[in-house]
């Protein structure tokens, strides 16, 4: 399953969460891990709340290009505040046992 593969990849980078390469990004690996996990959680919440019968397709050029090119242009979009990390993220911050939000949703 693709999500399991992605989560395994994220897990590999946990030990390097405080590293940063300014040539690649202005924030640490931990920030990116935190952001990715928040996106996954928010997406799961949205899917859980959604009603497939209410879905109405509409054309979106941006969506068409992203899915066709299988690439998302860097620096072109702004993520919602709900999936943005506040400040620096440490490896301890990424521990599920330290996150009430994460723990409560998966218990």
Foldseek 3Di string as FASTA:
>chain_A
DVVVVVVVVLVVCLVQQCDDDVVVPPAGSVQVSQLVVQVVVVVVVCVVPDDVVPDDDDDDPQVVVCVVVVDDDPPPDDDDPSSGDDDHGHSVNVPQVPDPVSVVVPD
